């Protein structure tokens, strides 16, 4: 684990591959820690010539938690009420981490909320964005969750480690890909490790408030001129396929890649296809 000061916060990160590779920054989703990026997946990306960096967002994992900000009013967050921070602040965290890494620019890849942050980064820092990959994400209200997925999003926090692990299995039985077997042992292992690293339901709430208050990025995405790839599962209940379609439609020249049977996760059998698509994008972008 490495630590960097970025945007006034401490950001914890690690890396895969050699510093001379194509810089690729991975941004994780709502309430999730960098360990949700499977090490084998990161190694596959590194094996294709990338220098991969994954990190804990603010209010997740071992990076700074803004405990003093308290618990936001999620019911009012989308209506203009003040929130502790916005997705733009989280994109600024990523830019600050890149400064600490000595990266003038990088390929930016984000999943779910991480995709929203990646989109925001490309909007705010177009000259620092070599390419943009948005996975299982949306530019705004498009592709809203199903009622069952919404219930997961707003479910009560678990009281202890055992309940967190048990709850993670319940969550991924709803959000996981119906076309692929659920790796229950991995779900339990990552849930337990995440609890041991840091368990902060209020941090989850602050991140969710940032999503709700940050508005629609569609118009700003239309102004981008960066090579872009949008990946989405056709069975995603949390950010339905319309969200991915809207993202690809908004970004000029973006490629849309969808997978039947994929929901709101990255099934291991699809890793070669996903890594191949990302590699094709980053190689093409660096040849420009």
C-alpha atoms as a PDB file:
ATOM      1  CA  UNK A   1       0.000   0.000   0.000  1.00  0.00           C
ATOM      2  CA  UNK A   2       1.139   3.524  -0.801  1.00  0.00           C
ATOM      3  CA  UNK A   3      -0.138   6.853   0.497  1.00  0.00           C
ATOM      4  CA  UNK A   4      -0.338  10.192  -1.293  1.00  0.00           C
ATOM      5  CA  UNK A   5      -1.626  13.608  -0.354  1.00  0.00           C
ATOM      6  CA  UNK A   6      -4.194  14.646  -2.952  1.00  0.00           C
ATOM      7  CA  UNK A   7      -6.672  17.531  -2.866  1.00  0.00           C
ATOM      8  CA  UNK A   8      -5.927  17.979   0.843  1.00  0.00           C
ATOM      9  CA  UNK A   9      -6.718  14.324   1.647  1.00  0.00           C
ATOM     10  CA  UNK A  10      -4.706  11.168   2.186  1.00  0.00           C
ATOM     11  CA  UNK A  11      -5.313   8.698  -0.630  1.00  0.00           C
ATOM     12  CA  UNK A  12      -4.218   5.071  -0.337  1.00  0.00           C
ATOM     13  CA  UNK A  13      -3.318   3.253  -3.549  1.00  0.00           C
ATOM     14  CA  UNK A  14      -1.320   0.425  -5.039  1.00  0.00           C
ATOM     15  CA  UNK A  15      -0.083  -0.387  -8.524  1.00  0.00           C
ATOM     16  CA  UNK A  16       0.517  -3.186 -11.017  1.00  0.00           C
ATOM     17  CA  UNK A  17       2.923  -3.317 -13.948  1.00  0.00           C
ATOM     18  CA  UNK A  18       5.932  -1.156 -14.669  1.00  0.00           C
ATOM     19  CA  UNK A  19       6.089   2.656 -14.455  1.00  0.00           C
ATOM     20  CA  UNK A  20       6.924   2.799 -18.158  1.00  0.00           C
ATOM     21  CA  UNK A  21       3.579   1.310 -19.146  1.00  0.00           C
ATOM     22  CA  UNK A  22       0.529   3.186 -20.349  1.00  0.00           C
ATOM     23  CA  UNK A  23      -0.844   4.878 -17.198  1.00  0.00           C
ATOM     24  CA  UNK A  24      -4.290   3.527 -16.305  1.00  0.00           C
ATOM     25  CA  UNK A  25      -6.204   4.836 -13.289  1.00  0.00           C
ATOM     26  CA  UNK A  26      -9.004   2.604 -11.937  1.00  0.00           C
ATOM     27  CA  UNK A  27     -11.826   4.320 -10.009  1.00  0.00           C
ATOM     28  CA  UNK A  28     -14.142   2.167  -7.899  1.00  0.00           C
ATOM     29  CA  UNK A  29     -17.852   2.601  -7.203  1.00  0.00           C
ATOM     30  CA  UNK A  30     -20.195   3.570  -4.395  1.00  0.00           C
ATOM     31  CA  UNK A  31     -19.070   2.420  -0.964  1.00  0.00           C
ATOM     32  CA  UNK A  32     -16.550   0.057  -2.517  1.00  0.00           C
ATOM     33  CA  UNK A  33     -12.850  -0.155  -1.791  1.00  0.00           C
ATOM     34  CA  UNK A  34     -10.024  -0.553  -4.253  1.00  0.00           C
ATOM     35  CA  UNK A  35      -9.817  -4.260  -3.423  1.00  0.00           C
ATOM     36  CA  UNK A  36     -13.036  -4.699  -5.397  1.00  0.00           C
ATOM     37  CA  UNK A  37     -10.706  -4.404  -8.413  1.00  0.00           C
ATOM     38  CA  UNK A  38      -9.550  -8.006  -8.348  1.00  0.00           C
ATOM     39  CA  UNK A  39      -5.758  -8.359  -8.329  1.00  0.00           C
ATOM     40  CA  UNK A  40      -5.879 -10.888 -11.155  1.00  0.00           C
ATOM     41  CA  UNK A  41      -7.935  -8.467 -13.260  1.00  0.00           C
ATOM     42  CA  UNK A  42      -5.377  -5.718 -12.559  1.00  0.00           C
ATOM     43  CA  UNK A  43      -2.536  -8.075 -13.463  1.00  0.00           C
ATOM     44  CA  UNK A  44      -4.264  -8.900 -16.756  1.00  0.00           C
ATOM     45  CA  UNK A  45      -4.417  -5.190 -17.578  1.00  0.00           C
ATOM     46  CA  UNK A  46      -0.773  -4.770 -16.563  1.00  0.00           C
ATOM     47  CA  UNK A  47       0.133  -7.704 -18.794  1.00  0.00           C
ATOM     48  CA  UNK A  48      -1.190  -5.722 -21.754  1.00  0.00           C
ATOM     49  CA  UNK A  49       1.293  -2.905 -21.227  1.00  0.00           C
ATOM     50  CA  UNK A  50      -0.540  -0.783 -18.667  1.00  0.00           C
ATOM     51  CA  UNK A  51       0.821   0.717 -15.482  1.00  0.00           C
ATOM     52  CA  UNK A  52      -2.307   0.193 -13.381  1.00  0.00           C
ATOM     53  CA  UNK A  53      -3.120   2.183 -10.252  1.00  0.00           C
ATOM     54  CA  UNK A  54      -6.175   1.460  -8.104  1.00  0.00           C
ATOM     55  CA  UNK A  55      -7.058   3.543  -5.045  1.00  0.00           C
ATOM     56  CA  UNK A  56      -9.546   4.048  -2.237  1.00  0.00           C
ATOM     57  CA  UNK A  57     -11.887   6.966  -2.866  1.00  0.00           C
ATOM     58  CA  UNK A  58     -12.437   9.452  -0.059  1.00  0.00           C
ATOM     59  CA  UNK A  59     -14.798   8.000   2.555  1.00  0.00           C
ATOM     60  CA  UNK A  60     -13.859   4.434   1.592  1.00  0.00           C
ATOM     61  CA  UNK A  61     -11.161   2.010   2.634  1.00  0.00           C
ATOM     62  CA  UNK A  62      -7.988   3.476   4.080  1.00  0.00           C
ATOM     63  CA  UNK A  63      -8.206   6.902   2.455  1.00  0.00           C
ATOM     64  CA  UNK A  64      -9.424   9.939   4.422  1.00  0.00           C
ATOM     65  CA  UNK A  65     -12.947   9.695   5.830  1.00  0.00           C
ATOM     66  CA  UNK A  66     -14.814  12.949   6.346  1.00  0.00           C
ATOM     67  CA  UNK A  67     -16.388  11.961   9.657  1.00  0.00           C
ATOM     68  CA  UNK A  68     -16.836  15.584  10.669  1.00  0.00           C
ATOM     69  CA  UNK A  69     -19.253  16.078   7.759  1.00  0.00           C
ATOM     70  CA  UNK A  70     -21.804  13.824   9.418  1.00  0.00           C
ATOM     71  CA  UNK A  71     -24.700  12.074   7.712  1.00  0.00           C
ATOM     72  CA  UNK A  72     -26.302  13.958   4.807  1.00  0.00           C
ATOM     73  CA  UNK A  73     -30.035  14.172   4.137  1.00  0.00           C
ATOM     74  CA  UNK A  74     -30.320  11.841   1.166  1.00  0.00           C
ATOM     75  CA  UNK A  75     -33.937  12.800   0.618  1.00  0.00           C
ATOM     76  CA  UNK A  76     -32.925  16.413  -0.020  1.00  0.00           C
ATOM     77  CA  UNK A  77     -29.583  15.788  -1.750  1.00  0.00           C
ATOM     78  CA  UNK A  78     -31.072  15.782  -5.237  1.00  0.00           C
ATOM     79  CA  UNK A  79     -33.102  18.923  -4.631  1.00  0.00           C
ATOM     80  CA  UNK A  80     -30.318  21.422  -4.142  1.00  0.00           C
ATOM     81  CA  UNK A  81     -29.631  20.870  -0.441  1.00  0.00           C
ATOM     82  CA  UNK A  82     -26.033  21.256   0.685  1.00  0.00           C
ATOM     83  CA  UNK A  83     -23.969  18.064   0.663  1.00  0.00           C
ATOM     84  CA  UNK A  84     -20.439  17.464   1.994  1.00  0.00           C
ATOM     85  CA  UNK A  85     -18.954  17.186  -1.511  1.00  0.00           C
ATOM     86  CA  UNK A  86     -19.767  16.443  -5.144  1.00  0.00           C
ATOM     87  CA  UNK A  87     -18.439  14.046  -7.751  1.00  0.00           C
ATOM     88  CA  UNK A  88     -16.300  16.927  -9.011  1.00  0.00           C
ATOM     89  CA  UNK A  89     -14.430  16.918  -5.704  1.00  0.00           C
ATOM     90  CA  UNK A  90     -13.816  13.201  -6.094  1.00  0.00           C
ATOM     91  CA  UNK A  91     -12.524  13.786  -9.639  1.00  0.00           C
ATOM     92  CA  UNK A  92     -10.190  16.388  -8.164  1.00  0.00           C
ATOM     93  CA  UNK A  93      -8.944  13.711  -5.743  1.00  0.00           C
ATOM     94  CA  UNK A  94      -8.020  11.575  -8.753  1.00  0.00           C
ATOM     95  CA  UNK A  95      -6.215  14.506 -10.359  1.00  0.00           C
ATOM     96  CA  UNK A  96      -4.302  15.102  -7.138  1.00  0.00           C
ATOM     97  CA  UNK A  97      -3.290  11.451  -6.996  1.00  0.00           C
ATOM     98  CA  UNK A  98      -2.034  11.717 -10.582  1.00  0.00           C
ATOM     99  CA  UNK A  99       0.039  14.738  -9.522  1.00  0.00           C
ATOM    100  CA  UNK A 100       1.570  12.668  -6.730  1.00  0.00           C
ATOM    101  CA  UNK A 101       2.292   9.862  -9.187  1.00  0.00           C
ATOM    102  CA  UNK A 102       3.933  12.273 -11.610  1.00  0.00           C
ATOM    103  CA  UNK A 103       1.337  11.554 -14.292  1.00  0.00           C
ATOM    104  CA  UNK A 104       0.576  14.518 -16.542  1.00  0.00           C
ATOM    105  CA  UNK A 105      -2.194  12.440 -18.139  1.00  0.00           C
ATOM    106  CA  UNK A 106      -3.638   8.944 -17.931  1.00  0.00           C
ATOM    107  CA  UNK A 107      -6.240   6.569 -19.263  1.00  0.00           C
ATOM    108  CA  UNK A 108      -9.205   6.850 -16.904  1.00  0.00           C
ATOM    109  CA  UNK A 109     -11.422   3.847 -16.159  1.00  0.00           C
ATOM    110  CA  UNK A 110     -14.291   3.825 -13.696  1.00  0.00           C
ATOM    111  CA  UNK A 111     -17.077   1.447 -12.706  1.00  0.00           C
ATOM    112  CA  UNK A 112     -20.537   2.467 -11.450  1.00  0.00           C
ATOM    113  CA  UNK A 113     -20.022   5.615  -9.329  1.00  0.00           C
ATOM    114  CA  UNK A 114     -16.409   5.332 -10.461  1.00  0.00           C
ATOM    115  CA  UNK A 115     -17.675   5.678 -14.026  1.00  0.00           C
ATOM    116  CA  UNK A 116     -19.468   8.869 -13.011  1.00  0.00           C
ATOM    117  CA  UNK A 117     -16.255  10.168 -11.464  1.00  0.00           C
ATOM    118  CA  UNK A 118     -14.309   9.155 -14.587  1.00  0.00           C
ATOM    119  CA  UNK A 119     -16.818  11.026 -16.767  1.00  0.00           C
ATOM    120  CA  UNK A 120     -16.509  14.055 -14.497  1.00  0.00           C
ATOM    121  CA  UNK A 121     -12.722  13.839 -14.623  1.00  0.00           C
ATOM    122  CA  UNK A 122     -12.750  13.857 -18.432  1.00  0.00           C
ATOM    123  CA  UNK A 123     -15.049  16.887 -18.403  1.00  0.00           C
ATOM    124  CA  UNK A 124     -12.938  18.805 -15.886  1.00  0.00           C
ATOM    125  CA  UNK A 125      -9.514  17.643 -17.145  1.00  0.00           C
ATOM    126  CA  UNK A 126      -9.805  16.870 -20.873  1.00  0.00           C
ATOM    127  CA  UNK A 127      -6.101  17.491 -21.514  1.00  0.00           C
ATOM    128  CA  UNK A 128      -5.172  14.984 -18.796  1.00  0.00           C
ATOM    129  CA  UNK A 129      -7.521  12.300 -20.132  1.00  0.00           C
ATOM    130  CA  UNK A 130      -5.865  10.035 -22.709  1.00  0.00           C
ATOM    131  CA  UNK A 131      -8.983   7.873 -22.920  1.00  0.00           C
ATOM    132  CA  UNK A 132     -12.158   7.298 -20.939  1.00  0.00           C
ATOM    133  CA  UNK A 133     -13.715   3.939 -20.084  1.00  0.00           C
ATOM    134  CA  UNK A 134     -17.084   4.059 -18.318  1.00  0.00           C
ATOM    135  CA  UNK A 135     -18.389   0.725 -17.019  1.00  0.00           C
ATOM    136  CA  UNK A 136     -21.919   0.035 -15.687  1.00  0.00           C
ATOM    137  CA  UNK A 137     -22.508   3.767 -15.266  1.00  0.00           C
ATOM    138  CA  UNK A 138     -24.724   6.608 -16.468  1.00  0.00           C
ATOM    139  CA  UNK A 139     -24.465  10.358 -17.148  1.00  0.00           C
ATOM    140  CA  UNK A 140     -27.422  11.175 -14.899  1.00  0.00           C
ATOM    141  CA  UNK A 141     -30.905   9.826 -14.191  1.00  0.00           C
ATOM    142  CA  UNK A 142     -30.896   7.507 -17.213  1.00  0.00           C
ATOM    143  CA  UNK A 143     -31.106   3.779 -16.467  1.00  0.00           C
ATOM    144  CA  UNK A 144     -32.639   4.069 -12.961  1.00  0.00           C
ATOM    145  CA  UNK A 145     -32.500   1.038 -10.651  1.00  0.00           C
ATOM    146  CA  UNK A 146     -35.248  -1.528 -10.422  1.00  0.00           C
ATOM    147  CA  UNK A 147     -37.277  -1.468  -7.229  1.00  0.00           C
ATOM    148  CA  UNK A 148     -35.396  -4.513  -5.914  1.00  0.00           C
ATOM    149  CA  UNK A 149     -32.026  -2.899  -6.643  1.00  0.00           C
ATOM    150  CA  UNK A 150     -33.146   0.407  -5.131  1.00  0.00           C
ATOM    151  CA  UNK A 151     -34.052  -1.433  -1.943  1.00  0.00           C
ATOM    152  CA  UNK A 152     -30.482  -2.766  -1.806  1.00  0.00           C
ATOM    153  CA  UNK A 153     -29.091   0.732  -2.286  1.00  0.00           C
ATOM    154  CA  UNK A 154     -31.053   2.160   0.619  1.00  0.00           C
ATOM    155  CA  UNK A 155     -30.938  -0.863   2.912  1.00  0.00           C
ATOM    156  CA  UNK A 156     -29.886  -0.534   6.542  1.00  0.00           C
ATOM    157  CA  UNK A 157     -26.234  -0.896   7.426  1.00  0.00           C
ATOM    158  CA  UNK A 158     -25.169  -4.167   9.036  1.00  0.00           C
ATOM    159  CA  UNK A 159     -24.186  -4.139  12.733  1.00  0.00           C
ATOM    160  CA  UNK A 160     -21.132  -6.420  12.673  1.00  0.00           C
ATOM    161  CA  UNK A 161     -18.666  -8.339  10.475  1.00  0.00           C
ATOM    162  CA  UNK A 162     -20.749 -11.491  10.255  1.00  0.00           C
ATOM    163  CA  UNK A 163     -23.807  -9.517   9.173  1.00  0.00           C
ATOM    164  CA  UNK A 164     -21.764  -7.563   6.625  1.00  0.00           C
ATOM    165  CA  UNK A 165     -20.498 -10.761   5.015  1.00  0.00           C
ATOM    166  CA  UNK A 166     -23.956 -12.323   5.032  1.00  0.00           C
ATOM    167  CA  UNK A 167     -25.460  -9.129   3.644  1.00  0.00           C
ATOM    168  CA  UNK A 168     -22.900  -8.970   0.840  1.00  0.00           C
ATOM    169  CA  UNK A 169     -24.046 -12.372  -0.381  1.00  0.00           C
ATOM    170  CA  UNK A 170     -27.665 -11.195  -0.348  1.00  0.00           C
ATOM    171  CA  UNK A 171     -26.721  -8.022  -2.255  1.00  0.00           C
ATOM    172  CA  UNK A 172     -24.780  -9.799  -4.987  1.00  0.00           C
ATOM    173  CA  UNK A 173     -27.508 -12.376  -5.465  1.00  0.00           C
ATOM    174  CA  UNK A 174     -29.586  -9.379  -6.603  1.00  0.00           C
ATOM    175  CA  UNK A 175     -26.949  -7.249  -8.341  1.00  0.00           C
ATOM    176  CA  UNK A 176     -24.703 -10.021  -9.639  1.00  0.00           C
ATOM    177  CA  UNK A 177     -24.776 -11.308 -13.198  1.00  0.00           C
ATOM    178  CA  UNK A 178     -27.531 -13.884 -13.786  1.00  0.00           C
ATOM    179  CA  UNK A 179     -25.709 -15.270 -16.818  1.00  0.00           C
ATOM    180  CA  UNK A 180     -22.642 -16.276 -14.821  1.00  0.00           C
ATOM    181  CA  UNK A 181     -22.116 -18.237 -11.586  1.00  0.00           C
ATOM    182  CA  UNK A 182     -21.757 -16.145  -8.446  1.00  0.00           C
ATOM    183  CA  UNK A 183     -18.355 -16.660  -6.812  1.00  0.00           C
ATOM    184  CA  UNK A 184     -19.691 -16.775  -3.265  1.00  0.00           C
ATOM    185  CA  UNK A 185     -16.297 -17.448  -1.697  1.00  0.00           C
ATOM    186  CA  UNK A 186     -14.838 -14.342  -3.336  1.00  0.00           C
ATOM    187  CA  UNK A 187     -17.836 -12.244  -2.260  1.00  0.00           C
ATOM    188  CA  UNK A 188     -17.417 -13.359   1.349  1.00  0.00           C
ATOM    189  CA  UNK A 189     -13.645 -12.906   1.282  1.00  0.00           C
ATOM    190  CA  UNK A 190     -13.780  -9.380  -0.134  1.00  0.00           C
ATOM    191  CA  UNK A 191     -16.638  -8.371   2.174  1.00  0.00           C
ATOM    192  CA  UNK A 192     -14.726  -9.556   5.211  1.00  0.00           C
ATOM    193  CA  UNK A 193     -11.505  -7.894   4.144  1.00  0.00           C
ATOM    194  CA  UNK A 194     -13.355  -4.667   3.386  1.00  0.00           C
ATOM    195  CA  UNK A 195     -14.875  -4.718   6.873  1.00  0.00           C
ATOM    196  CA  UNK A 196     -11.454  -5.313   8.406  1.00  0.00           C
ATOM    197  CA  UNK A 197      -9.892  -2.449   6.420  1.00  0.00           C
ATOM    198  CA  UNK A 198     -12.650   0.057   7.156  1.00  0.00           C
ATOM    199  CA  UNK A 199     -16.386  -0.089   7.780  1.00  0.00           C
ATOM    200  CA  UNK A 200     -18.087   3.285   7.463  1.00  0.00           C
ATOM    201  CA  UNK A 201     -21.790   3.375   6.496  1.00  0.00           C
ATOM    202  CA  UNK A 202     -21.811   7.165   6.883  1.00  0.00           C
ATOM    203  CA  UNK A 203     -19.078   7.391   4.236  1.00  0.00           C
ATOM    204  CA  UNK A 204     -21.338   5.405   1.910  1.00  0.00           C
ATOM    205  CA  UNK A 205     -24.123   7.916   2.577  1.00  0.00           C
ATOM    206  CA  UNK A 206     -21.868  10.886   1.811  1.00  0.00           C
ATOM    207  CA  UNK A 207     -20.781   9.308  -1.481  1.00  0.00           C
ATOM    208  CA  UNK A 208     -24.409   8.587  -2.381  1.00  0.00           C
ATOM    209  CA  UNK A 209     -25.315  12.194  -1.608  1.00  0.00           C
ATOM    210  CA  UNK A 210     -22.559  13.320  -3.978  1.00  0.00           C
ATOM    211  CA  UNK A 211     -24.116  11.230  -6.773  1.00  0.00           C
ATOM    212  CA  UNK A 212     -27.614  12.569  -6.118  1.00  0.00           C
ATOM    213  CA  UNK A 213     -26.482  16.201  -5.986  1.00  0.00           C
ATOM    214  CA  UNK A 214     -24.098  16.256  -8.950  1.00  0.00           C
ATOM    215  CA  UNK A 215     -26.632  16.570 -11.750  1.00  0.00           C
ATOM    216  CA  UNK A 216     -26.737  15.347 -15.338  1.00  0.00           C
ATOM    217  CA  UNK A 217     -23.448  15.266 -17.292  1.00  0.00           C
ATOM    218  CA  UNK A 218     -24.984  14.633 -20.729  1.00  0.00           C
ATOM    219  CA  UNK A 219     -24.492  18.124 -22.160  1.00  0.00           C
ATOM    220  CA  UNK A 220     -20.898  18.341 -20.907  1.00  0.00           C
ATOM    221  CA  UNK A 221     -20.054  14.874 -22.253  1.00  0.00           C
ATOM    222  CA  UNK A 222     -21.146  16.002 -25.722  1.00  0.00           C
ATOM    223  CA  UNK A 223     -18.239  18.453 -25.699  1.00  0.00           C
ATOM    224  CA  UNK A 224     -15.584  15.773 -25.145  1.00  0.00           C
ATOM    225  CA  UNK A 225     -13.093  14.803 -27.821  1.00  0.00           C
ATOM    226  CA  UNK A 226     -11.349  11.925 -26.035  1.00  0.00           C
ATOM    227  CA  UNK A 227     -11.410   8.283 -27.216  1.00  0.00           C
ATOM    228  CA  UNK A 228     -14.085   6.557 -25.141  1.00  0.00           C
ATOM    229  CA  UNK A 229     -15.402   3.091 -24.402  1.00  0.00           C
ATOM    230  CA  UNK A 230     -18.668   2.333 -22.612  1.00  0.00           C
ATOM    231  CA  UNK A 231     -19.164  -1.170 -21.181  1.00  0.00           C
ATOM    232  CA  UNK A 232     -22.492  -2.293 -19.754  1.00  0.00           C
ATOM    233  CA  UNK A 233     -24.289  -5.444 -18.716  1.00  0.00           C
ATOM    234  CA  UNK A 234     -27.580  -6.045 -20.449  1.00  0.00           C
ATOM    235  CA  UNK A 235     -29.050  -7.474 -17.213  1.00  0.00           C
ATOM    236  CA  UNK A 236     -27.896  -4.699 -14.850  1.00  0.00           C
ATOM    237  CA  UNK A 237     -30.655  -3.914 -12.300  1.00  0.00           C
ATOM    238  CA  UNK A 238     -28.836  -1.090 -10.483  1.00  0.00           C
ATOM    239  CA  UNK A 239     -27.848   1.014 -13.497  1.00  0.00           C
ATOM    240  CA  UNK A 240     -30.004  -0.375 -16.257  1.00  0.00           C
ATOM    241  CA  UNK A 241     -28.761  -0.614 -19.831  1.00  0.00           C
ATOM    242  CA  UNK A 242     -30.303   2.739 -20.789  1.00  0.00           C
ATOM    243  CA  UNK A 243     -27.632   4.368 -18.610  1.00  0.00           C
ATOM    244  CA  UNK A 244     -24.824   2.890 -20.666  1.00  0.00           C
ATOM    245  CA  UNK A 245     -26.577   3.698 -23.934  1.00  0.00           C
ATOM    246  CA  UNK A 246     -27.071   7.307 -22.806  1.00  0.00           C
ATOM    247  CA  UNK A 247     -23.385   7.566 -21.888  1.00  0.00           C
ATOM    248  CA  UNK A 248     -22.229   6.263 -25.264  1.00  0.00           C
ATOM    249  CA  UNK A 249     -24.733   8.441 -27.138  1.00  0.00           C
ATOM    250  CA  UNK A 250     -23.488  11.541 -25.313  1.00  0.00           C
ATOM    251  CA  UNK A 251     -19.744  11.082 -25.969  1.00  0.00           C
ATOM    252  CA  UNK A 252     -18.802  11.735 -29.608  1.00  0.00           C
ATOM    253  CA  UNK A 253     -17.332   8.613 -31.200  1.00  0.00           C
ATOM    254  CA  UNK A 254     -17.707   6.447 -28.101  1.00  0.00           C
ATOM    255  CA  UNK A 255     -17.865   2.679 -28.585  1.00  0.00           C
ATOM    256  CA  UNK A 256     -20.612   0.809 -26.734  1.00  0.00           C
ATOM    257  CA  UNK A 257     -19.866  -2.775 -25.686  1.00  0.00           C
ATOM    258  CA  UNK A 258     -22.657  -4.718 -23.959  1.00  0.00           C
ATOM    259  CA  UNK A 259     -22.737  -8.242 -22.591  1.00  0.00           C
ATOM    260  CA  UNK A 260     -25.816 -10.480 -22.256  1.00  0.00           C
ATOM    261  CA  UNK A 261     -26.144 -11.962 -18.788  1.00  0.00           C
ATOM    262  CA  UNK A 262     -23.861  -9.364 -17.187  1.00  0.00           C
ATOM    263  CA  UNK A 263     -25.348  -7.263 -14.381  1.00  0.00           C
ATOM    264  CA  UNK A 264     -23.647  -4.897 -11.911  1.00  0.00           C
ATOM    265  CA  UNK A 265     -20.365  -6.751 -11.558  1.00  0.00           C
ATOM    266  CA  UNK A 266     -17.459  -7.954 -13.687  1.00  0.00           C
ATOM    267  CA  UNK A 267     -17.846 -11.717 -14.187  1.00  0.00           C
ATOM    268  CA  UNK A 268     -14.508 -13.481 -14.418  1.00  0.00           C
ATOM    269  CA  UNK A 269     -15.324 -15.188 -17.777  1.00  0.00           C
ATOM    270  CA  UNK A 270     -15.686 -11.718 -19.332  1.00  0.00           C
ATOM    271  CA  UNK A 271     -12.328 -10.392 -18.118  1.00  0.00           C
ATOM    272  CA  UNK A 272     -10.438 -11.315 -21.320  1.00  0.00           C
ATOM    273  CA  UNK A 273     -13.024  -9.496 -23.440  1.00  0.00           C
ATOM    274  CA  UNK A 274     -13.070  -6.455 -21.171  1.00  0.00           C
ATOM    275  CA  UNK A 275      -9.278  -6.275 -20.892  1.00  0.00           C
ATOM    276  CA  UNK A 276      -8.997  -6.696 -24.655  1.00  0.00           C
ATOM    277  CA  UNK A 277     -11.449  -3.869 -25.320  1.00  0.00           C
ATOM    278  CA  UNK A 278      -9.713  -1.538 -22.855  1.00  0.00           C
ATOM    279  CA  UNK A 279      -6.328  -2.380 -24.359  1.00  0.00           C
ATOM    280  CA  UNK A 280      -7.560  -1.683 -27.881  1.00  0.00           C
ATOM    281  CA  UNK A 281      -8.825   1.707 -26.691  1.00  0.00           C
ATOM    282  CA  UNK A 282      -5.654   2.738 -24.844  1.00  0.00           C
ATOM    283  CA  UNK A 283      -3.367   1.621 -27.670  1.00  0.00           C
ATOM    284  CA  UNK A 284      -5.455   3.482 -30.228  1.00  0.00           C
ATOM    285  CA  UNK A 285      -5.622   6.581 -28.045  1.00  0.00           C
ATOM    286  CA  UNK A 286      -1.849   6.672 -27.577  1.00  0.00           C
ATOM    287  CA  UNK A 287      -1.295   6.411 -31.324  1.00  0.00           C
ATOM    288  CA  UNK A 288      -3.257   9.590 -31.958  1.00  0.00           C
END
